[in-house]
Amino acid sequence: GKLEKIVTNIKKFQEIRTKNYPNSKIITRVAGVKVNN
């Protein structure tokens, strides 16, 4: 995986959501697995 790629994709998703689906009730979450300090 490449962090920069998924950041670009998630940002674009948010742009589409905000512009074209302003009433969408979808909940978006970044969730990670905690494996180290």
PDB file of all heavy atoms in Angstrom:
ATOM      1  N   GLY A   1       0.805  -1.211   0.000  1.00  0.00           N
ATOM      2  CA  GLY A   1       0.000   0.000   0.000  1.00  0.00           C
ATOM      3  C   GLY A   1       0.838   1.261   0.000  1.00  0.00           C
ATOM      4  O   GLY A   1       1.958   1.291   0.506  1.00  0.00           O
ATOM      5  N   LYS A   2       0.284   2.322  -0.591  1.00  0.00           N
ATOM      6  CA  LYS A   2       0.914   3.640  -0.625  1.00  0.00           C
ATOM      7  C   LYS A   2      -0.032   4.660   0.007  1.00  0.00           C
ATOM      8  O   LYS A   2      -1.159   4.847  -0.469  1.00  0.00           O
ATOM      9  CB  LYS A   2       1.250   4.052  -2.057  1.00  0.00           C
ATOM     10  CG  LYS A   2       2.232   3.123  -2.763  1.00  0.00           C
ATOM     11  CD  LYS A   2       3.610   3.174  -2.129  1.00  0.00           C
ATOM     12  CE  LYS A   2       4.598   2.277  -2.881  1.00  0.00           C
ATOM     13  NZ  LYS A   2       5.926   2.239  -2.225  1.00  0.00           N
ATOM     14  N   LEU A   3       0.402   5.284   1.079  1.00  0.00           N
ATOM     15  CA  LEU A   3      -0.442   6.221   1.803  1.00  0.00           C
ATOM     16  C   LEU A   3      -0.928   7.351   0.904  1.00  0.00           C
ATOM     17  O   LEU A   3      -2.102   7.736   0.951  1.00  0.00           O
ATOM     18  CB  LEU A   3       0.319   6.786   3.006  1.00  0.00           C
ATOM     19  CG  LEU A   3      -0.450   7.757   3.906  1.00  0.00           C
ATOM     20  CD1 LEU A   3      -1.659   7.076   4.532  1.00  0.00           C
ATOM     21  CD2 LEU A   3       0.451   8.325   5.000  1.00  0.00           C
ATOM     22  N   GLU A   4      -0.036   7.887   0.074  1.00  0.00           N
ATOM     23  CA  GLU A   4      -0.404   9.025  -0.771  1.00  0.00           C
ATOM     24  C   GLU A   4      -1.569   8.688  -1.697  1.00  0.00           C
ATOM     25  O   GLU A   4      -2.449   9.524  -1.943  1.00  0.00           O
ATOM     26  CB  GLU A   4       0.810   9.484  -1.601  1.00  0.00           C
ATOM     27  CG  GLU A   4       1.965  10.063  -0.791  1.00  0.00           C
ATOM     28  CD  GLU A   4       2.809   9.003  -0.084  1.00  0.00           C
ATOM     29  OE1 GLU A   4       2.645   7.800  -0.406  1.00  0.00           O
ATOM     30  OE2 GLU A   4       3.606   9.370   0.793  1.00  0.00           O
ATOM     31  N   LYS A   5      -1.599   7.457  -2.180  1.00  0.00           N
ATOM     32  CA  LYS A   5      -2.661   7.049  -3.096  1.00  0.00           C
ATOM     33  C   LYS A   5      -4.013   7.011  -2.400  1.00  0.00           C
ATOM     34  O   LYS A   5      -5.014   7.514  -2.925  1.00  0.00           O
ATOM     35  CB  LYS A   5      -2.347   5.678  -3.698  1.00  0.00           C
ATOM     36  CG  LYS A   5      -3.402   5.194  -4.673  1.00  0.00           C
ATOM     37  CD  LYS A   5      -3.022   3.856  -5.288  1.00  0.00           C
ATOM     38  CE  LYS A   5      -4.079   3.409  -6.301  1.00  0.00           C
ATOM     39  NZ  LYS A   5      -3.744   2.117  -6.932  1.00  0.00           N
ATOM     40  N   ILE A   6      -4.049   6.422  -1.219  1.00  0.00           N
ATOM     41  CA  ILE A   6      -5.357   6.314  -0.565  1.00  0.00           C
ATOM     42  C   ILE A   6      -5.821   7.666  -0.031  1.00  0.00           C
ATOM     43  O   ILE A   6      -7.021   7.943  -0.002  1.00  0.00           O
ATOM     44  CB  ILE A   6      -5.370   5.236   0.537  1.00  0.00           C
ATOM     45  CG1 ILE A   6      -4.575   5.642   1.772  1.00  0.00           C
ATOM     46  CG2 ILE A   6      -4.909   3.905   0.010  1.00  0.00           C
ATOM     47  CD1 ILE A   6      -5.006   4.864   3.003  1.00  0.00           C
ATOM     48  N   VAL A   7      -4.884   8.524   0.356  1.00  0.00           N
ATOM     49  CA  VAL A   7      -5.265   9.878   0.777  1.00  0.00           C
ATOM     50  C   VAL A   7      -5.928  10.607  -0.382  1.00  0.00           C
ATOM     51  O   VAL A   7      -6.982  11.240  -0.227  1.00  0.00           O
ATOM     52  CB  VAL A   7      -4.039  10.661   1.281  1.00  0.00           C
ATOM     53  CG1 VAL A   7      -4.384  12.135   1.452  1.00  0.00           C
ATOM     54  CG2 VAL A   7      -3.546  10.105   2.603  1.00  0.00           C
ATOM     55  N   THR A   8      -5.341  10.497  -1.564  1.00  0.00           N
ATOM     56  CA  THR A   8      -5.919  11.119  -2.759  1.00  0.00           C
ATOM     57  C   THR A   8      -7.315  10.580  -3.022  1.00  0.00           C
ATOM     58  O   THR A   8      -8.251  11.337  -3.309  1.00  0.00           O
ATOM     59  CB  THR A   8      -5.019  10.866  -3.983  1.00  0.00           C
ATOM     60  OG1 THR A   8      -3.736  11.456  -3.759  1.00  0.00           O
ATOM     61  CG2 THR A   8      -5.634  11.453  -5.244  1.00  0.00           C
ATOM     62  N   ASN A   9      -7.474   9.273  -2.910  1.00  0.00           N
ATOM     63  CA  ASN A   9      -8.772   8.649  -3.177  1.00  0.00           C
ATOM     64  C   ASN A   9      -9.831   9.078  -2.164  1.00  0.00           C
ATOM     65  O   ASN A   9     -10.972   9.360  -2.520  1.00  0.00           O
ATOM     66  CB  ASN A   9      -8.633   7.127  -3.158  1.00  0.00           C
ATOM     67  CG  ASN A   9      -7.832   6.587  -4.323  1.00  0.00           C
ATOM     68  OD1 ASN A   9      -7.542   7.321  -5.273  1.00  0.00           O
ATOM     69  ND2 ASN A   9      -7.479   5.325  -4.265  1.00  0.00           N
ATOM     70  N   ILE A  10      -9.457   9.128  -0.892  1.00  0.00           N
ATOM     71  CA  ILE A  10     -10.419   9.497   0.149  1.00  0.00           C
ATOM     72  C   ILE A  10     -10.799  10.970   0.042  1.00  0.00           C
ATOM     73  O   ILE A  10     -11.965  11.340   0.215  1.00  0.00           O
ATOM     74  CB  ILE A  10      -9.850   9.163   1.544  1.00  0.00           C
ATOM     75  CG1 ILE A  10      -9.701   7.642   1.700  1.00  0.00           C
ATOM     76  CG2 ILE A  10     -10.744   9.719   2.649  1.00  0.00           C
ATOM     77  CD1 ILE A  10      -8.981   7.202   2.956  1.00  0.00           C
ATOM     78  N   LYS A  11      -9.822  11.814  -0.260  1.00  0.00           N
ATOM     79  CA  LYS A  11     -10.120  13.230  -0.466  1.00  0.00           C
ATOM     80  C   LYS A  11     -11.089  13.421  -1.628  1.00  0.00           C
ATOM     81  O   LYS A  11     -12.026  14.230  -1.556  1.00  0.00           O
ATOM     82  CB  LYS A  11      -8.830  14.016  -0.722  1.00  0.00           C
ATOM     83  CG  LYS A  11      -7.999  14.288   0.513  1.00  0.00           C
ATOM     84  CD  LYS A  11      -6.777  15.123   0.145  1.00  0.00           C
ATOM     85  CE  LYS A  11      -5.967  15.497   1.367  1.00  0.00           C
ATOM     86  NZ  LYS A  11      -4.757  16.300   1.005  1.00  0.00           N
ATOM     87  N   LYS A  12     -10.862  12.689  -2.710  1.00  0.00           N
ATOM     88  CA  LYS A  12     -11.732  12.795  -3.874  1.00  0.00           C
ATOM     89  C   LYS A  12     -13.141  12.317  -3.534  1.00  0.00           C
ATOM     90  O   LYS A  12     -14.131  12.929  -3.957  1.00  0.00           O
ATOM     91  CB  LYS A  12     -11.162  11.974  -5.037  1.00  0.00           C
ATOM     92  CG  LYS A  12     -11.917  12.179  -6.349  1.00  0.00           C
ATOM     93  CD  LYS A  12     -11.809  13.619  -6.825  1.00  0.00           C
ATOM     94  CE  LYS A  12     -12.520  13.839  -8.138  1.00  0.00           C
ATOM     95  NZ  LYS A  12     -12.449  15.245  -8.601  1.00  0.00           N
ATOM     96  N   PHE A  13     -13.237  11.233  -2.775  1.00  0.00           N
ATOM     97  CA  PHE A  13     -14.548  10.754  -2.327  1.00  0.00           C
ATOM     98  C   PHE A  13     -15.272  11.844  -1.550  1.00  0.00           C
ATOM     99  O   PHE A  13     -16.467  12.091  -1.767  1.00  0.00           O
ATOM    100  CB  PHE A  13     -14.393   9.500  -1.463  1.00  0.00           C
ATOM    101  CG  PHE A  13     -15.693   8.982  -0.906  1.00  0.00           C
ATOM    102  CD1 PHE A  13     -16.447   8.071  -1.619  1.00  0.00           C
ATOM    103  CD2 PHE A  13     -16.169   9.433   0.322  1.00  0.00           C
ATOM    104  CE1 PHE A  13     -17.664   7.605  -1.118  1.00  0.00           C
ATOM    105  CE2 PHE A  13     -17.384   8.974   0.827  1.00  0.00           C
ATOM    106  CZ  PHE A  13     -18.129   8.064   0.100  1.00  0.00           C
ATOM    107  N   GLN A  14     -14.554  12.488  -0.653  1.00  0.00           N
ATOM    108  CA  GLN A  14     -15.165  13.542   0.166  1.00  0.00           C
ATOM    109  C   GLN A  14     -15.613  14.717  -0.701  1.00  0.00           C
ATOM    110  O   GLN A  14     -16.670  15.314  -0.462  1.00  0.00           O
ATOM    111  CB  GLN A  14     -14.179  14.005   1.244  1.00  0.00           C
ATOM    112  CG  GLN A  14     -14.662  15.165   2.107  1.00  0.00           C
ATOM    113  CD  GLN A  14     -15.885  14.826   2.950  1.00  0.00           C
ATOM    114  OE1 GLN A  14     -16.376  13.693   2.920  1.00  0.00           O
ATOM    115  NE2 GLN A  14     -16.399  15.797   3.678  1.00  0.00           N
ATOM    116  N   GLU A  15     -14.830  15.054  -1.720  1.00  0.00           N
ATOM    117  CA  GLU A  15     -15.207  16.141  -2.638  1.00  0.00           C
ATOM    118  C   GLU A  15     -16.505  15.794  -3.377  1.00  0.00           C
ATOM    119  O   GLU A  15     -17.406  16.631  -3.509  1.00  0.00           O
ATOM    120  CB  GLU A  15     -14.089  16.396  -3.639  1.00  0.00           C
ATOM    121  CG  GLU A  15     -12.850  17.030  -3.044  1.00  0.00           C
ATOM    122  CD  GLU A  15     -11.701  17.102  -4.050  1.00  0.00           C
ATOM    123  OE1 GLU A  15     -11.943  16.819  -5.243  1.00  0.00           O
ATOM    124  OE2 GLU A  15     -10.575  17.423  -3.635  1.00  0.00           O
ATOM    125  N   ILE A  16     -16.587  14.565  -3.874  1.00  0.00           N
ATOM    126  CA  ILE A  16     -17.788  14.124  -4.592  1.00  0.00           C
ATOM    127  C   ILE A  16     -18.991  14.137  -3.661  1.00  0.00           C
ATOM    128  O   ILE A  16     -20.085  14.587  -4.029  1.00  0.00           O
ATOM    129  CB  ILE A  16     -17.563  12.714  -5.187  1.00  0.00           C
ATOM    130  CG1 ILE A  16     -16.487  12.762  -6.271  1.00  0.00           C
ATOM    131  CG2 ILE A  16     -18.870  12.139  -5.741  1.00  0.00           C
ATOM    132  CD1 ILE A  16     -16.025  11.389  -6.743  1.00  0.00           C
ATOM    133  N   ARG A  17     -18.789  13.651  -2.458  1.00  0.00           N
ATOM    134  CA  ARG A  17     -19.867  13.625  -1.467  1.00  0.00           C
ATOM    135  C   ARG A  17     -20.367  15.031  -1.163  1.00  0.00           C
ATOM    136  O   ARG A  17     -21.577  15.291  -1.157  1.00  0.00           O
ATOM    137  CB  ARG A  17     -19.368  12.949  -0.198  1.00  0.00           C
ATOM    138  CG  ARG A  17     -20.318  12.985   0.980  1.00  0.00           C
ATOM    139  CD  ARG A  17     -19.603  12.518   2.244  1.00  0.00           C
ATOM    140  NE  ARG A  17     -20.450  12.568   3.412  1.00  0.00           N
ATOM    141  CZ  ARG A  17     -20.029  12.297   4.640  1.00  0.00           C
ATOM    142  NH1 ARG A  17     -18.763  11.958   4.842  1.00  0.00           N
ATOM    143  NH2 ARG A  17     -20.850  12.359   5.666  1.00  0.00           N
ATOM    144  N   THR A  18     -19.445  15.950  -0.905  1.00  0.00           N
ATOM    145  CA  THR A  18     -19.811  17.317  -0.528  1.00  0.00           C
ATOM    146  C   THR A  18     -20.512  18.050  -1.668  1.00  0.00           C
ATOM    147  O   THR A  18     -21.522  18.731  -1.458  1.00  0.00           O
ATOM    148  CB  THR A  18     -18.559  18.102  -0.099  1.00  0.00           C
ATOM    149  OG1 THR A  18     -17.928  17.427   0.993  1.00  0.00           O
ATOM    150  CG2 THR A  18     -18.921  19.520   0.322  1.00  0.00           C
ATOM    151  N   LYS A  19     -20.010  17.866  -2.869  1.00  0.00           N
ATOM    152  CA  LYS A  19     -20.537  18.598  -4.025  1.00  0.00           C
ATOM    153  C   LYS A  19     -21.839  18.014  -4.550  1.00  0.00           C
ATOM    154  O   LYS A  19     -22.794  18.755  -4.830  1.00  0.00           O
ATOM    155  CB  LYS A  19     -19.493  18.605  -5.147  1.00  0.00           C
ATOM    156  CG  LYS A  19     -19.937  19.366  -6.396  1.00  0.00           C
ATOM    157  CD  LYS A  19     -18.851  19.353  -7.456  1.00  0.00           C
ATOM    158  CE  LYS A  19     -19.309  20.091  -8.714  1.00  0.00           C
ATOM    159  NZ  LYS A  19     -18.253  20.075  -9.771  1.00  0.00           N
ATOM    160  N   ASN A  20     -21.900  16.681  -4.662  1.00  0.00           N
ATOM    161  CA  ASN A  20     -23.025  16.051  -5.359  1.00  0.00           C
ATOM    162  C   ASN A  20     -24.033  15.348  -4.453  1.00  0.00           C
ATOM    163  O   ASN A  20     -25.147  15.042  -4.880  1.00  0.00           O
ATOM    164  CB  ASN A  20     -22.492  15.046  -6.382  1.00  0.00           C
ATOM    165  CG  ASN A  20     -21.615  15.699  -7.434  1.00  0.00           C
ATOM    166  OD1 ASN A  20     -22.025  16.651  -8.085  1.00  0.00           O
ATOM    167  ND2 ASN A  20     -20.408  15.196  -7.586  1.00  0.00           N
ATOM    168  N   TYR A  21     -23.631  15.081  -3.204  1.00  0.00           N
ATOM    169  CA  TYR A  21     -24.529  14.392  -2.271  1.00  0.00           C
ATOM    170  C   TYR A  21     -24.527  15.111  -0.926  1.00  0.00           C
ATOM    171  O   TYR A  21     -24.220  14.511   0.113  1.00  0.00           O
ATOM    172  CB  TYR A  21     -24.098  12.936  -2.101  1.00  0.00           C
ATOM    173  CG  TYR A  21     -24.103  12.145  -3.386  1.00  0.00           C
ATOM    174  CD1 TYR A  21     -22.978  12.134  -4.215  1.00  0.00           C
ATOM    175  CD2 TYR A  21     -25.221  11.412  -3.777  1.00  0.00           C
ATOM    176  CE1 TYR A  21     -22.976  11.417  -5.401  1.00  0.00           C
ATOM    177  CE2 TYR A  21     -25.223  10.689  -4.957  1.00  0.00           C
ATOM    178  CZ  TYR A  21     -24.099  10.704  -5.776  1.00  0.00           C
ATOM    179  OH  TYR A  21     -24.101   9.989  -6.943  1.00  0.00           O
ATOM    180  N   PRO A  22     -24.869  16.403  -0.909  1.00  0.00           N
ATOM    181  CA  PRO A  22     -24.770  17.182   0.342  1.00  0.00           C
ATOM    182  C   PRO A  22     -25.690  16.681   1.448  1.00  0.00           C
ATOM    183  O   PRO A  22     -25.445  16.963   2.622  1.00  0.00           O
ATOM    184  CB  PRO A  22     -25.162  18.598  -0.110  1.00  0.00           C
ATOM    185  CG  PRO A  22     -25.994  18.392  -1.341  1.00  0.00           C
ATOM    186  CD  PRO A  22     -25.398  17.200  -2.021  1.00  0.00           C
ATOM    187  N   ASN A  23     -26.731  15.941   1.096  1.00  0.00           N
ATOM    188  CA  ASN A  23     -27.664  15.427   2.099  1.00  0.00           C
ATOM    189  C   ASN A  23     -27.390  13.978   2.485  1.00  0.00           C
ATOM    190  O   ASN A  23     -28.160  13.375   3.233  1.00  0.00           O
ATOM    191  CB  ASN A  23     -29.103  15.554   1.586  1.00  0.00           C
ATOM    192  CG  ASN A  23     -29.507  16.998   1.338  1.00  0.00           C
ATOM    193  OD1 ASN A  23     -29.156  17.885   2.119  1.00  0.00           O
ATOM    194  ND2 ASN A  23     -30.210  17.244   0.253  1.00  0.00           N
ATOM    195  N   SER A  24     -26.305  13.448   1.974  1.00  0.00           N
ATOM    196  CA  SER A  24     -25.970  12.059   2.297  1.00  0.00           C
ATOM    197  C   SER A  24     -25.699  11.904   3.793  1.00  0.00           C
ATOM    198  O   SER A  24     -25.018  12.720   4.410  1.00  0.00           O
ATOM    199  CB  SER A  24     -24.720  11.620   1.515  1.00  0.00           C
ATOM    200  OG  SER A  24     -24.274  10.352   1.941  1.00  0.00           O
ATOM    201  N   LYS A  25     -26.230  10.821   4.356  1.00  0.00           N
ATOM    202  CA  LYS A  25     -26.022  10.545   5.779  1.00  0.00           C
ATOM    203  C   LYS A  25     -24.945   9.486   6.004  1.00  0.00           C
ATOM    204  O   LYS A  25     -24.806   8.962   7.107  1.00  0.00           O
ATOM    205  CB  LYS A  25     -27.341  10.110   6.414  1.00  0.00           C
ATOM    206  CG  LYS A  25     -28.397  11.211   6.437  1.00  0.00           C
ATOM    207  CD  LYS A  25     -29.674  10.737   7.121  1.00  0.00           C
ATOM    208  CE  LYS A  25     -30.702  11.852   7.177  1.00  0.00           C
ATOM    209  NZ  LYS A  25     -31.958  11.399   7.853  1.00  0.00           N
ATOM    210  N   ILE A  26     -24.196   9.172   4.978  1.00  0.00           N
ATOM    211  CA  ILE A  26     -23.140   8.181   5.113  1.00  0.00           C
ATOM    212  C   ILE A  26     -22.107   8.645   6.140  1.00  0.00           C
ATOM    213  O   ILE A  26     -21.800   9.836   6.242  1.00  0.00           O
ATOM    214  CB  ILE A  26     -22.468   7.911   3.748  1.00  0.00           C
ATOM    215  CG1 ILE A  26     -21.597   6.655   3.808  1.00  0.00           C
ATOM    216  CG2 ILE A  26     -21.667   9.115   3.276  1.00  0.00           C
ATOM    217  CD1 ILE A  26     -21.086   6.192   2.450  1.00  0.00           C
ATOM    218  N   ILE A  27     -21.631   7.722   6.937  1.00  0.00           N
ATOM    219  CA  ILE A  27     -20.600   8.000   7.941  1.00  0.00           C
ATOM    220  C   ILE A  27     -19.276   7.446   7.431  1.00  0.00           C
ATOM    221  O   ILE A  27     -19.194   6.266   7.075  1.00  0.00           O
ATOM    222  CB  ILE A  27     -20.951   7.339   9.288  1.00  0.00           C
ATOM    223  CG1 ILE A  27     -22.260   7.913   9.843  1.00  0.00           C
ATOM    224  CG2 ILE A  27     -19.827   7.528  10.310  1.00  0.00           C
ATOM    225  CD1 ILE A  27     -22.835   7.116  11.006  1.00  0.00           C
ATOM    226  N   THR A  28     -18.257   8.273   7.369  1.00  0.00           N
ATOM    227  CA  THR A  28     -16.941   7.818   6.940  1.00  0.00           C
ATOM    228  C   THR A  28     -15.999   7.758   8.136  1.00  0.00           C
ATOM    229  O   THR A  28     -16.025   8.634   9.003  1.00  0.00           O
ATOM    230  CB  THR A  28     -16.339   8.737   5.858  1.00  0.00           C
ATOM    231  OG1 THR A  28     -16.290  10.079   6.347  1.00  0.00           O
ATOM    232  CG2 THR A  28     -17.176   8.690   4.590  1.00  0.00           C
ATOM    233  N   ARG A  29     -15.187   6.707   8.163  1.00  0.00           N
ATOM    234  CA  ARG A  29     -14.290   6.512   9.301  1.00  0.00           C
ATOM    235  C   ARG A  29     -12.963   5.952   8.821  1.00  0.00           C
ATOM    236  O   ARG A  29     -12.929   5.019   8.021  1.00  0.00           O
ATOM    237  CB  ARG A  29     -14.910   5.541  10.307  1.00  0.00           C
ATOM    238  CG  ARG A  29     -14.045   5.263  11.543  1.00  0.00           C
ATOM    239  CD  ARG A  29     -14.622   4.105  12.368  1.00  0.00           C
ATOM    240  NE  ARG A  29     -16.012   4.320  12.690  1.00  0.00           N
ATOM    241  CZ  ARG A  29     -16.928   3.362  12.732  1.00  0.00           C
ATOM    242  NH1 ARG A  29     -16.601   2.108  12.481  1.00  0.00           N
ATOM    243  NH2 ARG A  29     -18.177   3.641  13.025  1.00  0.00           N
ATOM    244  N   VAL A  30     -11.876   6.534   9.286  1.00  0.00           N
ATOM    245  CA  VAL A  30     -10.561   5.904   9.149  1.00  0.00           C
ATOM    246  C   VAL A  30     -10.318   5.108  10.418  1.00  0.00           C
ATOM    247  O   VAL A  30     -10.351   5.660  11.520  1.00  0.00           O
ATOM    248  CB  VAL A  30      -9.445   6.940   8.925  1.00  0.00           C
ATOM    249  CG1 VAL A  30      -8.079   6.323   9.186  1.00  0.00           C
ATOM    250  CG2 VAL A  30      -9.486   7.477   7.506  1.00  0.00           C
ATOM    251  N   ALA A  31     -10.119   3.807  10.259  1.00  0.00           N
ATOM    252  CA  ALA A  31      -9.895   2.941  11.418  1.00  0.00           C
ATOM    253  C   ALA A  31      -8.623   2.141  11.215  1.00  0.00           C
ATOM    254  O   ALA A  31      -8.424   1.523  10.165  1.00  0.00           O
ATOM    255  CB  ALA A  31     -11.080   1.995  11.621  1.00  0.00           C
ATOM    256  N   GLY A  32      -7.761   2.182  12.207  1.00  0.00           N
ATOM    257  CA  GLY A  32      -6.505   1.458  12.141  1.00  0.00           C
ATOM    258  C   GLY A  32      -6.406   0.383  13.188  1.00  0.00           C
ATOM    259  O   GLY A  32      -7.100   0.425  14.212  1.00  0.00           O
ATOM    260  N   VAL A  33      -5.571  -0.590  12.927  1.00  0.00           N
ATOM    261  CA  VAL A  33      -5.276  -1.634  13.896  1.00  0.00           C
ATOM    262  C   VAL A  33      -4.067  -1.195  14.712  1.00  0.00           C
ATOM    263  O   VAL A  33      -3.012  -0.894  14.156  1.00  0.00           O
ATOM    264  CB  VAL A  33      -4.982  -2.983  13.201  1.00  0.00           C
ATOM    265  CG1 VAL A  33      -4.663  -4.061  14.234  1.00  0.00           C
ATOM    266  CG2 VAL A  33      -6.171  -3.404  12.342  1.00  0.00           C
ATOM    267  N   LYS A  34      -4.220  -1.118  16.027  1.00  0.00           N
ATOM    268  CA  LYS A  34      -3.149  -0.649  16.902  1.00  0.00           C
ATOM    269  C   LYS A  34      -2.195  -1.799  17.198  1.00  0.00           C
ATOM    270  O   LYS A  34      -2.509  -2.718  17.942  1.00  0.00           O
ATOM    271  CB  LYS A  34      -3.738  -0.114  18.216  1.00  0.00           C
ATOM    272  CG  LYS A  34      -2.709   0.558  19.132  1.00  0.00           C
ATOM    273  CD  LYS A  34      -2.331   1.935  18.626  1.00  0.00           C
ATOM    274  CE  LYS A  34      -1.653   2.780  19.692  1.00  0.00           C
ATOM    275  NZ  LYS A  34      -0.345   2.273  20.150  1.00  0.00           N
ATOM    276  N   VAL A  35      -1.014  -1.740  16.577  1.00  0.00           N
ATOM    277  CA  VAL A  35      -0.053  -2.836  16.732  1.00  0.00           C
ATOM    278  C   VAL A  35       1.255  -2.402  17.393  1.00  0.00           C
ATOM    279  O   VAL A  35       2.037  -3.252  17.833  1.00  0.00           O
ATOM    280  CB  VAL A  35       0.268  -3.499  15.372  1.00  0.00           C
ATOM    281  CG1 VAL A  35      -0.957  -4.185  14.816  1.00  0.00           C
ATOM    282  CG2 VAL A  35       0.814  -2.479  14.377  1.00  0.00           C
ATOM    283  N   ASN A  36       1.516  -1.083  17.479  1.00  0.00           N
ATOM    284  CA  ASN A  36       2.761  -0.651  18.120  1.00  0.00           C
ATOM    285  C   ASN A  36       2.627   0.756  18.686  1.00  0.00           C
ATOM    286  O   ASN A  36       1.622   1.440  18.476  1.00  0.00           O
ATOM    287  CB  ASN A  36       3.943  -0.745  17.141  1.00  0.00           C
ATOM    288  CG  ASN A  36       3.774   0.159  15.934  1.00  0.00           C
ATOM    289  OD1 ASN A  36       3.364   1.313  16.044  1.00  0.00           O
ATOM    290  ND2 ASN A  36       4.089  -0.368  14.747  1.00  0.00           N
ATOM    291  N   ASN A  37       3.650   1.185  19.398  1.00  0.00           N
ATOM    292  CA  ASN A  37       3.617   2.484  20.076  1.00  0.00           C
ATOM    293  C   ASN A  37       3.898   3.654  19.145  1.00  0.00           C
ATOM    294  O   ASN A  37       3.820   4.813  19.565  1.00  0.00           O
ATOM    295  CB  ASN A  37       4.623   2.488  21.231  1.00  0.00           C
ATOM    296  CG  ASN A  37       4.214   1.550  22.354  1.00  0.00           C
ATOM    297  OD1 ASN A  37       3.028   1.337  22.591  1.00  0.00           O
ATOM    298  ND2 ASN A  37       5.195   0.969  23.040  1.00  0.00           N
TER     299      ASN A  37
END
